[in-house]
């Protein structure tokens, strides 16, 4: 079974490549490859029931005792907990080019237990204005019903709560390209160039794709067949269960922009910002991240690099270290555009510094001087000390943008190790590889 998001070009390609390779090597296929999107659980269970017996004892029995299954939380993507919003406030300044918000949710009687480093899944609700626009485009009444899995459901409610309309699926894009005959889109698809497709898709929603041919008529059920299920979004938790008992915090940048004479917004970020006020509730569930944890040794130094909202898990780490009375040193590299407008959690960091928890804080506000300065520049400026912390057994963490920031930070880390450790580029690569193997270099990037 190949699991992936149909929003990606080359859906389930990895599964197909593996399947083809096994066939070429002479493997016996017990069942045909099955592609599934986010709604995979039922199909996966059925597939396991039918394929495992088909091995007919070919698999050797386990030699190790099987552990008793741990008690699972009843709250998950399909059954989120309705958490009351305790706080929804803007962190960034009025003149900032960004809108960053702090959210606090009550865990109530949910029984949800999280750790610093985990994420929180949010089940969003689509923007009613976009739903209304789609209804108008299809020329159907809101109370039009569609049969889904044997039951009649209102079309407007399906568009609001069940289907992805802010991000068009590949099925929809390919179908509309064929039906509309749009030359630009057909050319982009024919090249197989993922970057070109991403550029064409950027900022577009389902209504934009349908607008390629205003005369194209789709029945409600026909449209739904081309859409993906509405997906949850996961955000890094910015609180510690030891310091913020009974609550969970998020730090989220609201995505807003204007395109084609329409105001747009991130599906989940604007749902939280605009449609979930304090006292109301949102569907949440834990998304554990066991590969992003503080060191068990409270004496170990910790180095954290998290510009912008990448500070989220490190706020959690710092409060966790304080609550645990950890004696290990803590160093945070944080930055954004302007100190006056974008220094989020400044009061928290000042307090943690006064308490002796935050040992070092290096800031990089890129637009506050003629030459732009980023967190990776601060790393290089303080390379000798940074290398010293690593040599003392320090753990190195990065959170934030994977495409540019995390790559630049990784390059800077290699440079620091090479320069201040007296190593060649190859030896620095080995040093970093050893950090990763020993779980002392961890990343939470997106």
Protein backbone atom coordinates (compact mmCIF):
# COMPACT_ATOMS: atom_id res chain seq x y z
CA UNK A 1 0.00 0.00 0.00
CA UNK A 2 1.33 3.44 -0.98
CA UNK A 3 0.22 6.33 1.23
CA UNK A 4 0.61 9.95 0.17
CA UNK A 5 -1.25 13.20 -0.38
CA UNK A 6 -2.91 13.51 -3.79
CA UNK A 7 -1.99 17.17 -3.70
CA UNK A 8 1.56 16.13 -4.61
CA UNK A 9 2.59 15.72 -8.20
CA UNK A 10 3.51 12.09 -8.82
CA UNK A 11 1.11 10.79 -6.17
CA UNK A 12 2.42 7.59 -4.48
CA UNK A 13 5.37 7.48 -6.88
CA UNK A 14 7.69 6.05 -4.21
CA UNK A 15 5.33 3.13 -3.65
CA UNK A 16 5.11 2.50 -7.37
CA UNK A 17 8.90 2.56 -7.76
CA UNK A 18 9.37 0.08 -4.91
CA UNK A 19 6.63 -2.17 -6.29
CA UNK A 20 8.21 -2.18 -9.75
CA UNK A 21 11.68 -2.83 -8.34
CA UNK A 22 10.52 -5.82 -6.27
CA UNK A 23 8.82 -7.24 -9.34
CA UNK A 24 12.01 -6.81 -11.35
CA UNK A 25 13.94 -8.69 -8.66
CA UNK A 26 11.55 -11.61 -8.94
CA UNK A 27 9.42 -11.02 -5.84
CA UNK A 28 5.97 -12.60 -5.70
CA UNK A 29 3.18 -10.03 -5.48
CA UNK A 30 0.47 -11.17 -3.07
CA UNK A 31 -1.80 -8.25 -3.99
CA UNK A 32 -1.79 -5.32 -6.41
CA UNK A 33 -0.44 -1.98 -5.23
CA UNK A 34 -3.10 0.14 -3.54
CA UNK A 35 -2.87 3.96 -3.53
CA UNK A 36 -4.51 5.86 -0.72
CA UNK A 37 -4.72 9.50 0.37
CA UNK A 38 -5.35 10.78 3.89
CA UNK A 39 -8.43 8.59 4.38
CA UNK A 40 -6.41 5.39 4.53
CA UNK A 41 -7.25 3.66 7.83
CA UNK A 42 -10.13 1.40 6.70
CA UNK A 43 -8.39 0.40 3.46
CA UNK A 44 -5.16 -0.31 5.36
CA UNK A 45 -6.92 -2.55 7.88
CA UNK A 46 -8.63 -4.50 5.10
CA UNK A 47 -5.38 -4.83 3.17
CA UNK A 48 -3.55 -6.24 6.20
CA UNK A 49 -6.30 -8.76 6.83
CA UNK A 50 -6.09 -10.03 3.25
CA UNK A 51 -2.36 -9.88 2.55
CA UNK A 52 -0.78 -11.16 5.76
CA UNK A 53 -2.52 -14.57 5.53
CA UNK A 54 -1.43 -14.70 1.87
CA UNK A 55 2.19 -15.08 2.97
CA UNK A 56 1.17 -18.62 4.09
CA UNK A 57 3.71 -18.83 6.91
CA UNK A 58 6.55 -17.39 4.85
CA UNK A 59 7.21 -14.83 7.54
CA UNK A 60 9.16 -16.13 10.51
CA UNK A 61 7.43 -15.83 13.88
CA UNK A 62 8.60 -13.08 16.18
CA UNK A 63 11.26 -14.21 18.63
CA UNK A 64 10.76 -11.34 21.05
CA UNK A 65 7.81 -11.10 23.44
CA UNK A 66 5.08 -8.78 22.25
CA UNK A 67 4.45 -5.84 24.49
CA UNK A 68 0.92 -5.15 25.64
CA UNK A 69 -0.57 -2.30 23.62
CA UNK A 70 -0.54 1.03 25.39
CA UNK A 71 -3.82 2.75 26.10
CA UNK A 72 -4.64 4.97 23.15
CA UNK A 73 -6.27 8.34 23.40
CA UNK A 74 -9.80 8.40 21.96
CA UNK A 75 -8.98 11.73 20.33
CA UNK A 76 -7.53 11.63 16.82
CA UNK A 77 -7.89 13.09 13.35
CA UNK A 78 -11.30 11.51 12.83
CA UNK A 79 -12.46 12.21 16.37
CA UNK A 80 -10.85 15.44 17.62
CA UNK A 81 -11.39 16.78 21.12
CA UNK A 82 -13.40 19.99 21.33
CA UNK A 83 -10.94 22.20 23.20
CA UNK A 84 -12.05 25.56 24.57
CA UNK A 85 -9.91 28.49 23.46
CA UNK A 86 -8.54 30.31 26.50
CA UNK A 87 -6.42 32.84 24.60
CA UNK A 88 -6.25 34.17 21.06
CA UNK A 89 -4.01 37.23 20.95
CA UNK A 90 -1.69 38.90 18.46
CA UNK A 91 2.00 38.77 19.35
CA UNK A 92 3.42 40.81 16.48
CA UNK A 93 3.35 44.60 16.37
CA UNK A 94 0.81 46.74 14.51
CA UNK A 95 3.37 47.69 11.86
CA UNK A 96 4.66 44.16 11.32
CA UNK A 97 4.36 42.58 7.89
CA UNK A 98 3.22 39.42 9.67
CA UNK A 99 0.38 38.52 11.97
CA UNK A 100 1.62 36.05 14.57
CA UNK A 101 -0.83 34.87 17.22
CA UNK A 102 -0.62 33.02 20.51
CA UNK A 103 -3.32 30.47 21.26
CA UNK A 104 -4.04 28.62 24.48
CA UNK A 105 -6.45 25.68 24.60
CA UNK A 106 -7.92 23.99 27.64
CA UNK A 107 -7.37 20.24 27.72
CA UNK A 108 -10.28 19.91 30.14
CA UNK A 109 -11.22 16.30 30.81
CA UNK A 110 -9.68 15.06 27.55
CA UNK A 111 -6.95 13.04 29.22
CA UNK A 112 -4.55 14.27 26.51
CA UNK A 113 -0.96 14.02 27.71
CA UNK A 114 1.75 15.71 25.66
CA UNK A 115 5.48 16.37 25.93
CA UNK A 116 7.59 19.35 24.99
CA UNK A 117 8.44 18.88 21.31
CA UNK A 118 5.07 17.43 20.30
CA UNK A 119 2.64 18.97 17.82
CA UNK A 120 -1.08 19.67 18.01
CA UNK A 121 -3.39 18.76 15.15
CA UNK A 122 -6.19 21.22 14.37
CA UNK A 123 -9.26 20.27 12.34
CA UNK A 124 -10.12 23.47 10.43
CA UNK A 125 -13.44 24.71 9.09
CA UNK A 126 -13.50 26.28 5.65
CA UNK A 127 -14.22 29.95 5.09
CA UNK A 128 -17.97 30.47 4.58
CA UNK A 129 -17.32 33.16 1.94
CA UNK A 130 -15.43 30.68 -0.24
CA UNK A 131 -18.16 28.08 0.29
CA UNK A 132 -20.79 30.60 -0.82
CA UNK A 133 -18.72 31.54 -3.86
CA UNK A 134 -18.44 27.89 -4.90
CA UNK A 135 -22.17 27.39 -4.50
CA UNK A 136 -22.72 30.42 -6.72
CA UNK A 137 -20.24 29.17 -9.30
CA UNK A 138 -21.97 25.79 -9.49
CA UNK A 139 -25.39 27.47 -9.40
CA UNK A 140 -26.75 25.20 -6.70
CA UNK A 141 -28.69 25.91 -3.52
CA UNK A 142 -26.94 25.49 -0.14
CA UNK A 143 -29.39 22.81 0.97
CA UNK A 144 -28.75 20.67 -2.12
CA UNK A 145 -28.07 17.12 -0.91
CA UNK A 146 -25.44 14.65 -2.04
CA UNK A 147 -25.30 10.94 -1.24
CA UNK A 148 -22.07 10.15 0.60
CA UNK A 149 -21.50 6.56 1.77
CA UNK A 150 -25.18 5.81 1.57
CA UNK A 151 -26.48 8.89 3.42
CA UNK A 152 -27.88 12.20 2.19
CA UNK A 153 -25.83 15.20 3.29
CA UNK A 154 -26.11 18.91 2.60
CA UNK A 155 -23.69 20.12 -0.04
CA UNK A 156 -22.83 23.37 1.79
CA UNK A 157 -21.97 21.46 4.98
CA UNK A 158 -19.77 19.05 3.05
CA UNK A 159 -17.88 21.98 1.51
CA UNK A 160 -17.58 23.62 4.93
CA UNK A 161 -16.48 20.71 7.09
CA UNK A 162 -15.42 17.77 4.95
CA UNK A 163 -13.60 18.74 1.74
CA UNK A 164 -10.45 20.70 0.89
CA UNK A 165 -11.48 23.79 -1.08
CA UNK A 166 -8.61 26.13 -0.18
CA UNK A 167 -6.02 23.93 -1.91
CA UNK A 168 -6.97 22.27 -5.23
CA UNK A 169 -6.24 18.57 -5.65
CA UNK A 170 -4.27 17.12 -8.55
CA UNK A 171 -7.41 15.23 -9.61
CA UNK A 172 -9.27 18.52 -9.97
CA UNK A 173 -6.39 20.28 -11.73
CA UNK A 174 -5.93 17.47 -14.26
CA UNK A 175 -9.66 17.12 -14.87
CA UNK A 176 -10.21 20.84 -15.43
CA UNK A 177 -7.13 21.02 -17.67
CA UNK A 178 -8.61 18.34 -19.88
CA UNK A 179 -12.15 19.72 -19.90
CA UNK A 180 -11.29 23.39 -20.27
CA UNK A 181 -8.50 23.01 -22.79
CA UNK A 182 -6.55 25.72 -20.96
CA UNK A 183 -3.27 25.84 -22.90
CA UNK A 184 -1.10 27.20 -20.09
CA UNK A 185 -2.19 24.56 -17.59
CA UNK A 186 -1.96 21.76 -20.13
CA UNK A 187 1.58 22.84 -20.97
CA UNK A 188 2.59 22.93 -17.30
CA UNK A 189 1.21 19.43 -16.76
CA UNK A 190 2.78 18.06 -19.93
CA UNK A 191 6.30 19.09 -18.88
CA UNK A 192 6.17 17.11 -15.65
CA UNK A 193 8.06 19.98 -14.00
CA UNK A 194 7.09 20.07 -10.34
CA UNK A 195 8.45 23.59 -9.78
CA UNK A 196 6.41 24.94 -12.70
CA UNK A 197 3.28 23.24 -11.37
CA UNK A 198 3.91 24.63 -7.87
CA UNK A 199 4.32 28.12 -9.34
CA UNK A 200 1.06 27.78 -11.28
CA UNK A 201 -0.82 26.41 -8.27
CA UNK A 202 0.57 28.86 -5.70
CA UNK A 203 -2.18 30.96 -4.13
CA UNK A 204 -4.98 29.29 -6.09
CA UNK A 205 -8.01 27.62 -4.55
CA UNK A 206 -10.75 25.44 -6.03
CA UNK A 207 -12.72 28.46 -7.23
CA UNK A 208 -9.69 29.70 -9.19
CA UNK A 209 -9.32 26.37 -10.97
CA UNK A 210 -13.01 26.30 -11.88
CA UNK A 211 -12.68 29.85 -13.21
CA UNK A 212 -10.49 28.57 -16.05
CA UNK A 213 -13.71 27.81 -17.89
CA UNK A 214 -16.77 29.73 -16.73
CA UNK A 215 -18.98 27.66 -19.04
CA UNK A 216 -17.89 24.36 -17.51
CA UNK A 217 -20.72 22.72 -15.60
CA UNK A 218 -20.13 20.31 -12.71
CA UNK A 219 -22.71 18.57 -10.58
CA UNK A 220 -22.08 18.71 -6.80
CA UNK A 221 -21.28 14.99 -6.58
CA UNK A 222 -18.97 15.30 -9.58
CA UNK A 223 -17.00 18.09 -7.92
CA UNK A 224 -16.70 16.22 -4.63
CA UNK A 225 -15.24 13.22 -6.46
CA UNK A 226 -12.38 15.49 -7.56
CA UNK A 227 -11.67 16.99 -4.13
CA UNK A 228 -9.57 15.73 -1.24
CA UNK A 229 -10.88 15.30 2.30
CA UNK A 230 -10.35 18.40 4.45
CA UNK A 231 -7.04 17.78 6.17
CA UNK A 232 -5.92 18.70 9.65
CA UNK A 233 -2.94 20.99 10.15
CA UNK A 234 -0.24 20.31 12.75
CA UNK A 235 1.52 23.06 14.67
CA UNK A 236 4.45 22.78 17.07
CA UNK A 237 3.32 23.09 20.68
CA UNK A 238 4.82 26.11 22.44
CA UNK A 239 4.03 25.14 26.03
CA UNK A 240 5.31 22.69 28.63
CA UNK A 241 2.87 20.35 30.40
CA UNK A 242 4.87 20.87 33.59
CA UNK A 243 4.69 24.67 33.43
CA UNK A 244 1.28 25.08 31.76
CA UNK A 245 -0.74 22.32 33.38
CA UNK A 246 -4.08 21.52 31.76
CA UNK A 247 -3.45 23.71 28.73
CA UNK A 248 -1.63 23.57 25.42
CA UNK A 249 -0.25 26.59 23.53
CA UNK A 250 0.38 27.28 19.84
CA UNK A 251 2.26 30.04 18.01
CA UNK A 252 0.79 30.50 14.54
CA UNK A 253 1.40 32.98 11.73
CA UNK A 254 -1.86 33.94 10.02
CA UNK A 255 -1.48 33.56 6.26
CA UNK A 256 -3.21 36.41 4.43
CA UNK A 257 -2.81 37.74 0.90
CA UNK A 258 -4.78 39.19 -2.01
CA UNK A 259 -4.88 37.65 -5.48
CA UNK A 260 -7.17 37.99 -8.49
CA UNK A 261 -9.15 40.70 -6.69
CA UNK A 262 -10.01 38.41 -3.79
CA UNK A 263 -8.72 38.38 -0.22
CA UNK A 264 -7.24 34.98 0.60
CA UNK A 265 -6.04 33.24 3.71
CA UNK A 266 -4.52 30.05 5.01
CA UNK A 267 -7.24 27.47 5.59
CA UNK A 268 -6.39 26.75 9.22
CA UNK A 269 -4.47 29.85 10.29
CA UNK A 270 -7.37 32.19 9.44
CA UNK A 271 -9.89 29.71 10.87
CA UNK A 272 -8.08 30.05 14.20
CA UNK A 273 -7.51 33.79 13.91
CA UNK A 274 -10.91 34.90 12.68
CA UNK A 275 -13.46 32.23 13.54
CA UNK A 276 -12.43 30.81 16.92
CA UNK A 277 -12.63 33.50 19.59
CA UNK A 278 -11.90 33.04 23.28
CA UNK A 279 -14.55 30.85 24.89
CA UNK A 280 -15.32 28.98 21.69
CA UNK A 281 -13.86 25.60 20.79
CA UNK A 282 -11.88 23.89 18.05
CA UNK A 283 -11.25 20.24 17.24
CA UNK A 284 -7.75 19.23 18.38
CA UNK A 285 -5.72 16.07 18.86
CA UNK A 286 -2.16 15.22 19.84
CA UNK A 287 0.45 14.69 17.13
CA UNK A 288 3.37 13.17 19.02
CA UNK A 289 6.89 13.94 17.80
CA UNK A 290 9.15 11.44 19.56
CA UNK A 291 12.07 12.40 17.35
CA UNK A 292 12.16 15.95 18.75
CA UNK A 293 12.77 15.71 22.46
CA UNK A 294 14.93 17.40 25.08
CA UNK A 295 17.91 15.36 26.27
CA UNK A 296 17.16 13.00 29.12
CA UNK A 297 20.28 14.34 30.82
CA UNK A 298 19.25 17.62 32.43
CA UNK A 299 22.92 18.62 32.69
CA UNK A 300 23.42 18.57 28.90
CA UNK A 301 23.75 21.93 27.11
CA UNK A 302 20.98 22.75 24.61
CA UNK A 303 21.37 24.96 21.52
CA UNK A 304 18.16 26.04 19.76
CA UNK A 305 17.78 27.80 16.40
CA UNK A 306 14.23 28.98 15.74
CA UNK A 307 13.52 32.20 13.84
CA UNK A 308 9.95 33.47 13.54
CA UNK A 309 7.31 30.96 14.65
CA UNK A 310 10.13 28.41 14.77
CA UNK A 311 10.54 29.61 18.35
CA UNK A 312 7.43 27.63 19.34
CA UNK A 313 8.95 24.34 20.54
CA UNK A 314 11.87 26.18 22.12
CA UNK A 315 9.55 28.24 24.30
CA UNK A 316 8.22 24.84 25.40
CA UNK A 317 11.75 23.51 25.93
CA UNK A 318 12.80 26.47 28.07
CA UNK A 319 9.75 26.30 30.32
CA UNK A 320 10.22 22.54 30.57
CA UNK A 321 13.86 22.91 31.57
CA UNK A 322 12.90 25.45 34.23
CA UNK A 323 10.16 23.21 35.60
CA UNK A 324 12.61 20.28 35.73
CA UNK A 325 15.25 22.42 37.46
CA UNK A 326 17.62 21.35 34.71
CA UNK A 327 21.15 22.58 35.31
CA UNK A 328 22.21 22.39 31.66
CA UNK A 329 22.94 25.60 29.77
CA UNK A 330 20.42 26.85 27.17
CA UNK A 331 21.26 28.96 24.10
CA UNK A 332 18.62 30.35 21.74
CA UNK A 333 19.17 31.89 18.31
CA UNK A 334 16.06 33.83 17.34
CA UNK A 335 15.34 36.34 14.61
CA UNK A 336 12.80 37.90 12.30
CA UNK A 337 12.52 41.13 10.34
CA UNK A 338 12.25 44.02 12.83
CA UNK A 339 12.91 43.93 16.56
CA UNK A 340 10.30 46.57 17.34
CA UNK A 341 7.52 44.65 15.60
CA UNK A 342 8.57 41.00 15.41
CA UNK A 343 10.25 40.13 18.70
CA UNK A 344 7.54 37.70 19.80
CA UNK A 345 7.65 36.37 23.37
CA UNK A 346 10.17 39.05 24.33
CA UNK A 347 8.75 39.23 27.86
CA UNK A 348 8.91 35.45 28.25
CA UNK A 349 12.52 35.34 27.10
CA UNK A 350 13.48 38.26 29.37
CA UNK A 351 11.97 36.43 32.33
CA UNK A 352 13.67 33.15 31.46
CA UNK A 353 16.97 35.02 31.12
CA UNK A 354 16.55 36.69 34.53
CA UNK A 355 15.78 33.30 36.06
CA UNK A 356 19.03 31.93 34.66
CA UNK A 357 17.24 29.40 32.46
CA UNK A 358 18.09 31.07 29.15
CA UNK A 359 21.88 31.25 29.36
CA UNK A 360 22.44 32.95 25.99
CA UNK A 361 20.13 34.72 23.56
CA UNK A 362 21.46 35.78 20.16
CA UNK A 363 19.13 37.86 18.01
CA UNK A 364 19.09 38.46 14.27
CA UNK A 365 16.60 41.02 12.95
CA UNK A 366 17.30 41.08 9.26
CA UNK A 367 15.76 44.43 8.27
CA UNK A 368 17.06 46.57 11.13
CA UNK A 369 20.31 47.41 9.33
CA UNK A 370 21.48 47.93 5.76
CA UNK A 371 22.98 44.47 5.45
CA UNK A 372 20.59 41.65 6.27
CA UNK A 373 21.56 39.47 9.22
CA UNK A 374 20.11 36.01 9.86
CA UNK A 375 20.40 33.40 12.60
CA UNK A 376 23.03 31.49 10.62
CA UNK A 377 25.16 34.65 10.58
CA UNK A 378 24.96 34.84 14.38
CA UNK A 379 26.01 31.19 14.53
CA UNK A 380 29.15 31.95 12.53
CA UNK A 381 29.91 35.08 14.59
CA UNK A 382 29.80 32.98 17.75
CA UNK A 383 31.29 29.88 16.17
CA UNK A 384 34.02 29.30 18.74
CA UNK A 385 31.56 29.24 21.64
CA UNK A 386 29.04 27.21 19.64
CA UNK A 387 31.63 24.55 18.86
CA UNK A 388 32.65 24.55 22.52
CA UNK A 389 29.08 23.77 23.59
CA UNK A 390 28.95 20.89 21.10
CA UNK A 391 32.22 19.53 22.46
CA UNK A 392 30.71 19.65 25.96
CA UNK A 393 27.98 17.29 24.76
CA UNK A 394 25.51 19.92 23.59
CA UNK A 395 22.34 19.03 21.73
CA UNK A 396 21.55 21.09 18.62
CA UNK A 397 17.95 21.79 17.54
CA UNK A 398 16.43 23.58 14.55
CA UNK A 399 12.80 24.49 13.92
CA UNK A 400 11.27 26.38 10.99
CA UNK A 401 11.35 26.65 7.23
CA UNK A 402 12.92 23.58 5.61
CA UNK A 403 13.51 25.01 2.14
CA UNK A 404 15.90 27.84 3.02
CA UNK A 405 16.47 28.53 6.71
CA UNK A 406 17.15 24.95 7.82
CA UNK A 407 19.52 24.40 4.90
CA UNK A 408 21.40 27.63 5.63
CA UNK A 409 21.65 26.72 9.32
CA UNK A 410 22.97 23.28 8.42
CA UNK A 411 25.63 24.84 6.17
CA UNK A 412 26.61 27.25 8.95
CA UNK A 413 26.89 24.36 11.42
CA UNK A 414 29.26 22.52 9.09
CA UNK A 415 31.31 25.70 8.61
CA UNK A 416 31.58 26.31 12.38
CA UNK A 417 32.69 22.75 13.03
CA UNK A 418 35.25 22.87 10.22
CA UNK A 419 36.71 26.23 11.24
CA UNK A 420 36.76 25.93 15.01
CA UNK A 421 37.31 22.19 15.15
CA UNK A 422 40.21 22.29 12.72
CA UNK A 423 38.47 19.83 10.45
CA UNK A 424 38.23 19.38 6.70
CA UNK A 425 34.84 19.60 4.99
CA UNK A 426 34.68 15.80 4.95
CA UNK A 427 35.56 15.55 8.64
CA UNK A 428 32.96 18.19 9.50
CA UNK A 429 30.41 16.11 7.59
CA UNK A 430 31.37 13.08 9.68
CA UNK A 431 31.07 15.13 12.88
CA UNK A 432 27.55 16.27 11.95
CA UNK A 433 26.61 12.72 10.95
CA UNK A 434 27.72 11.56 14.39
CA UNK A 435 25.57 14.25 16.02
CA UNK A 436 22.59 12.93 14.09
CA UNK A 437 23.32 9.29 14.93
CA UNK A 438 23.55 10.11 18.63
CA UNK A 439 20.28 12.10 18.45
CA UNK A 440 22.11 15.33 19.31
CA UNK A 441 21.10 17.10 16.07
CA UNK A 442 17.32 17.17 15.72
CA UNK A 443 15.10 19.16 13.37
CA UNK A 444 11.41 20.05 13.31
CA UNK A 445 11.11 21.61 9.86
CA UNK A 446 8.25 22.17 7.46
